[in-house]
């Protein structure tokens, strides 16, 4: 790949799907890797320290990619905002930016930022944002237990938080307002589009004349925004890709036996 954008990993929380992320990082090669905020969840770690070996392996894998030629750009989010004090710092092939410009192979100029500065709750009511973070963590924990039961009966994964976001009127309105706000910022800067994270909702769409891209998260959707060598952008859902590959293996074996 030419470029890959990932965000909202939330290392340091039990909701982080580090196993899927490690699979993804080990399978893909890219010239540029953008870490679009909330990579490490310092909010959660201040409440209760949690850092298993898999989370350490994610960091080591990213640093390993940087060591072997991948340009890594880290744009901190609100959950890892402490790293913003290192804005402008360069550590080998890794640099820290408050936001940055990415130019695709097609020449499209995209603003890359986490997006929390356009979240009215985070901006105006930090205490409410942290309360919302607690509620989200709770829904993820409940979801984890609920889906163990679903798997036992052969049912696929179902997201409680995703259901609430898409069904509750205020949540839908909030998401739409956020998307409009970040698109407006890209337009204000005279750019063609924007890449962000923050709301954990992977999407590529047009908002008027602006290309809006959200790379999703690695708590539930396990998604990334990917740019190929021709400058085409797409959302990769790693769980779906992995399942399709696993499903294809028996078929390939059967074909081999038939031959």
Protein backbone atom coordinates (compact mmCIF):
# COMPACT_ATOMS: atom_id res chain seq x y z
CA UNK A 1 0.00 0.00 0.00
CA UNK A 2 1.02 3.61 -0.47
CA UNK A 3 -0.60 4.86 2.78
CA UNK A 4 -2.56 3.44 5.69
CA UNK A 5 -4.52 5.41 8.29
CA UNK A 6 -5.54 3.88 11.63
CA UNK A 7 -6.88 5.46 14.80
CA UNK A 8 -8.72 4.82 18.06
CA UNK A 9 -6.74 1.74 19.00
CA UNK A 10 -7.11 2.52 22.71
CA UNK A 11 -4.10 0.57 23.90
CA UNK A 12 -4.31 0.26 27.67
CA UNK A 13 -7.97 -0.78 27.69
CA UNK A 14 -9.60 -4.21 27.70
CA UNK A 15 -11.69 -3.16 24.71
CA UNK A 16 -8.64 -2.84 22.44
CA UNK A 17 -8.57 -5.59 19.81
CA UNK A 18 -4.78 -5.88 19.75
CA UNK A 19 -4.84 -9.40 18.29
CA UNK A 20 -6.62 -8.27 15.12
CA UNK A 21 -4.41 -5.18 14.83
CA UNK A 22 -1.23 -7.24 15.10
CA UNK A 23 -2.47 -9.56 12.35
CA UNK A 24 -3.22 -6.55 10.16
CA UNK A 25 0.11 -4.79 10.79
CA UNK A 26 2.09 -7.97 10.11
CA UNK A 27 0.26 -8.68 6.85
CA UNK A 28 0.41 -5.23 5.23
CA UNK A 29 3.33 -3.19 3.95
CA UNK A 30 3.02 0.55 3.40
CA UNK A 31 5.15 3.58 2.59
CA UNK A 32 3.31 5.75 5.13
CA UNK A 33 1.47 4.80 8.30
CA UNK A 34 -0.68 7.50 9.89
CA UNK A 35 -1.67 7.04 13.55
CA UNK A 36 -4.69 9.33 13.72
CA UNK A 37 -5.11 9.68 17.48
CA UNK A 38 -6.27 7.77 20.57
CA UNK A 39 -3.55 5.20 20.02
CA UNK A 40 -2.90 4.93 23.77
CA UNK A 41 -5.81 5.54 26.12
CA UNK A 42 -4.20 7.58 28.90
CA UNK A 43 -7.63 8.44 30.34
CA UNK A 44 -8.33 4.78 31.05
CA UNK A 45 -4.81 4.01 32.26
CA UNK A 46 -5.03 6.76 34.86
CA UNK A 47 -8.15 5.09 36.28
CA UNK A 48 -6.80 1.55 36.18
CA UNK A 49 -3.47 0.41 34.70
CA UNK A 50 -3.83 -2.31 32.09
CA UNK A 51 -1.02 -3.16 29.65
CA UNK A 52 -0.80 -6.81 28.48
CA UNK A 53 2.02 -8.15 26.30
CA UNK A 54 -0.10 -7.88 23.14
CA UNK A 55 -0.36 -4.11 23.59
CA UNK A 56 3.40 -3.94 23.96
CA UNK A 57 3.71 -6.00 20.77
CA UNK A 58 1.58 -3.47 18.87
CA UNK A 59 3.97 -0.67 19.84
CA UNK A 60 7.00 -2.79 18.96
CA UNK A 61 5.51 -3.69 15.57
CA UNK A 62 4.81 -0.06 14.69
CA UNK A 63 8.32 0.98 15.75
CA UNK A 64 9.70 -1.96 13.77
CA UNK A 65 7.96 -0.71 10.64
CA UNK A 66 9.45 2.74 11.20
CA UNK A 67 12.91 1.20 11.63
CA UNK A 68 12.58 -0.66 8.33
CA UNK A 69 11.56 2.30 6.19
CA UNK A 70 7.89 3.05 6.81
CA UNK A 71 7.25 6.73 7.49
CA UNK A 72 5.09 6.88 10.64
CA UNK A 73 3.14 10.05 11.43
CA UNK A 74 1.50 10.23 14.86
CA UNK A 75 -1.35 12.73 15.28
CA UNK A 76 -2.42 12.48 18.97
CA UNK A 77 -6.09 12.53 19.93
CA UNK A 78 -7.92 13.54 23.08
CA UNK A 79 -7.24 10.25 24.92
CA UNK A 80 -3.49 10.59 24.30
CA UNK A 81 -3.37 14.40 24.20
CA UNK A 82 -0.31 14.44 26.51
CA UNK A 83 1.78 13.54 23.46
CA UNK A 84 0.75 16.80 21.79
CA UNK A 85 3.52 18.54 23.71
CA UNK A 86 5.92 16.67 21.42
CA UNK A 87 4.38 18.18 18.27
CA UNK A 88 7.10 18.74 15.69
CA UNK A 89 9.42 16.16 17.25
CA UNK A 90 11.09 13.58 15.02
CA UNK A 91 12.29 10.22 16.27
CA UNK A 92 14.03 8.50 13.39
CA UNK A 93 11.29 7.66 10.89
CA UNK A 94 8.49 8.68 13.29
CA UNK A 95 7.24 12.21 13.74
CA UNK A 96 4.53 13.79 15.90
CA UNK A 97 2.14 16.34 14.37
CA UNK A 98 -0.91 18.23 15.66
CA UNK A 99 -2.42 17.73 12.21
CA UNK A 100 -0.85 17.33 8.78
CA UNK A 101 -1.38 17.31 5.03
CA UNK A 102 -1.44 14.11 2.98
CA UNK A 103 -1.30 14.24 -0.82
CA UNK A 104 -2.62 11.13 -2.55
CA UNK A 105 -1.15 9.62 -5.71
CA UNK A 106 -4.05 11.34 -7.54
CA UNK A 107 -2.96 14.71 -6.16
CA UNK A 108 -5.86 15.08 -3.72
CA UNK A 109 -4.83 17.13 -0.68
CA UNK A 110 -6.24 15.72 2.54
CA UNK A 111 -6.20 17.23 6.02
CA UNK A 112 -5.28 14.55 8.60
CA UNK A 113 -6.45 15.15 12.18
CA UNK A 114 -8.05 13.21 15.01
CA UNK A 115 -11.12 15.44 15.14
CA UNK A 116 -11.75 15.95 18.85
CA UNK A 117 -11.33 19.71 18.47
CA UNK A 118 -14.57 19.67 16.42
CA UNK A 119 -16.45 17.69 19.05
CA UNK A 120 -18.58 20.19 20.96
CA UNK A 121 -18.78 17.87 23.97
CA UNK A 122 -15.00 17.49 24.25
CA UNK A 123 -14.41 21.19 23.57
CA UNK A 124 -17.06 22.68 25.85
CA UNK A 125 -17.63 20.01 28.51
CA UNK A 126 -14.48 17.94 29.18
CA UNK A 127 -16.09 16.37 32.27
CA UNK A 128 -19.05 15.21 30.16
CA UNK A 129 -16.67 13.76 27.57
CA UNK A 130 -14.96 11.71 30.28
CA UNK A 131 -18.33 10.59 31.61
CA UNK A 132 -19.22 9.51 28.09
CA UNK A 133 -15.92 7.64 27.89
CA UNK A 134 -16.84 5.72 31.07
CA UNK A 135 -20.24 4.87 29.59
CA UNK A 136 -18.64 3.70 26.33
CA UNK A 137 -16.15 1.51 28.22
CA UNK A 138 -19.06 0.00 30.15
CA UNK A 139 -21.01 -0.75 26.96
CA UNK A 140 -17.92 -2.42 25.44
CA UNK A 141 -17.45 -4.58 28.55
CA UNK A 142 -21.13 -5.58 28.53
CA UNK A 143 -20.90 -6.25 24.81
CA UNK A 144 -17.91 -8.55 25.32
CA UNK A 145 -19.85 -10.83 27.67
CA UNK A 146 -23.01 -10.65 25.58
CA UNK A 147 -21.14 -11.73 22.43
CA UNK A 148 -19.58 -14.71 24.21
CA UNK A 149 -23.13 -16.01 24.59
CA UNK A 150 -23.97 -15.15 20.97
CA UNK A 151 -20.88 -17.03 19.71
CA UNK A 152 -21.85 -20.07 21.79
CA UNK A 153 -25.13 -20.19 19.85
CA UNK A 154 -23.45 -19.55 16.50
CA UNK A 155 -24.53 -15.95 16.10
CA UNK A 156 -22.17 -13.28 14.66
CA UNK A 157 -20.76 -10.31 16.57
CA UNK A 158 -23.25 -7.57 17.44
CA UNK A 159 -22.29 -4.10 18.64
CA UNK A 160 -24.36 -2.52 21.41
CA UNK A 161 -22.53 0.82 21.18
CA UNK A 162 -22.87 0.82 17.40
CA UNK A 163 -26.59 0.12 17.68
CA UNK A 164 -27.05 2.98 20.13
CA UNK A 165 -25.06 5.39 17.97
CA UNK A 166 -27.11 4.64 14.87
CA UNK A 167 -30.54 4.41 16.51
CA UNK A 168 -30.56 7.13 19.13
CA UNK A 169 -31.65 10.39 17.49
CA UNK A 170 -29.22 12.62 19.40
CA UNK A 171 -26.27 10.35 18.60
CA UNK A 172 -27.11 10.39 14.88
CA UNK A 173 -27.40 14.19 14.99
CA UNK A 174 -24.06 14.42 16.83
CA UNK A 175 -22.28 12.27 14.23
CA UNK A 176 -23.71 14.34 11.37
CA UNK A 177 -22.66 17.61 13.06
CA UNK A 178 -19.14 16.26 13.63
CA UNK A 179 -18.76 15.18 10.01
CA UNK A 180 -20.00 18.55 8.76
CA UNK A 181 -17.59 20.39 11.07
CA UNK A 182 -14.43 18.53 10.01
CA UNK A 183 -15.44 18.80 6.34
CA UNK A 184 -15.91 22.55 6.78
CA UNK A 185 -12.39 22.83 8.23
CA UNK A 186 -10.90 21.11 5.19
CA UNK A 187 -12.88 23.43 2.92
CA UNK A 188 -11.76 26.46 4.95
CA UNK A 189 -8.14 25.49 4.39
CA UNK A 190 -8.72 25.08 0.66
CA UNK A 191 -8.15 21.32 0.73
CA UNK A 192 -9.88 18.49 -1.11
CA UNK A 193 -10.77 16.34 1.86
CA UNK A 194 -10.19 15.23 5.42
CA UNK A 195 -9.12 12.05 7.20
CA UNK A 196 -10.12 11.71 10.85
CA UNK A 197 -11.05 9.28 13.60
CA UNK A 198 -12.59 10.01 17.01
CA UNK A 199 -16.19 8.83 16.49
CA UNK A 200 -15.30 5.16 15.74
CA UNK A 201 -17.39 5.12 12.55
CA UNK A 202 -15.54 4.06 9.37
CA UNK A 203 -16.79 5.87 6.30
CA UNK A 204 -15.85 7.43 2.98
CA UNK A 205 -18.37 9.92 1.65
CA UNK A 206 -18.80 13.28 -0.03
CA UNK A 207 -19.97 16.24 2.01
CA UNK A 208 -20.69 18.82 -0.66
CA UNK A 209 -17.34 19.28 -2.43
CA UNK A 210 -15.22 17.72 0.34
CA UNK A 211 -14.09 14.10 0.58
CA UNK A 212 -14.78 12.87 4.12
CA UNK A 213 -12.86 9.83 5.37
CA UNK A 214 -13.05 8.27 8.82
CA UNK A 215 -10.79 5.28 9.42
CA UNK A 216 -12.91 3.77 12.23
CA UNK A 217 -11.35 2.07 15.24
CA UNK A 218 -9.68 -1.07 16.63
CA UNK A 219 -12.15 -1.67 19.43
CA UNK A 220 -15.09 -2.92 17.38
CA UNK A 221 -14.91 -2.21 13.64
CA UNK A 222 -11.19 -3.15 13.34
CA UNK A 223 -10.91 -0.97 10.26
CA UNK A 224 -8.34 1.10 8.42
CA UNK A 225 -8.38 3.63 5.61
CA UNK A 226 -6.07 2.40 2.86
CA UNK A 227 -4.60 4.17 -0.18
CA UNK A 228 -3.31 1.98 -3.00
CA UNK A 229 -0.57 2.84 -5.51
CA UNK A 230 -3.09 4.54 -7.81
CA UNK A 231 -4.38 6.83 -5.08
CA UNK A 232 -7.67 4.97 -4.59
CA UNK A 233 -8.98 5.12 -1.02
CA UNK A 234 -10.97 2.34 0.61
CA UNK A 235 -12.04 1.12 4.04
CA UNK A 236 -10.65 -2.26 5.05
CA UNK A 237 -12.54 -4.16 7.73
CA UNK A 238 -9.89 -6.59 8.92
CA UNK A 239 -12.27 -9.07 10.56
CA UNK A 240 -14.23 -9.44 7.30
CA UNK A 241 -11.03 -9.78 5.25
CA UNK A 242 -9.59 -12.34 7.66
CA UNK A 243 -12.81 -14.37 7.71
CA UNK A 244 -12.97 -14.42 3.91
CA UNK A 245 -9.36 -15.61 3.72
CA UNK A 246 -9.97 -18.34 6.30
CA UNK A 247 -13.10 -19.45 4.45
CA UNK A 248 -11.12 -19.67 1.20
CA UNK A 249 -8.48 -22.02 2.63
CA UNK A 250 -10.62 -25.20 2.72
CA UNK A 251 -11.85 -24.46 -0.79
CA UNK A 252 -8.28 -24.14 -2.02
CA UNK A 253 -7.42 -27.44 -0.32
CA UNK A 254 -10.40 -29.16 -1.90
CA UNK A 255 -9.39 -27.89 -5.32
CA UNK A 256 -5.88 -29.20 -4.77
CA UNK A 257 -7.17 -32.64 -3.83
CA UNK A 258 -9.48 -32.70 -6.84
CA UNK A 259 -6.57 -31.85 -9.13
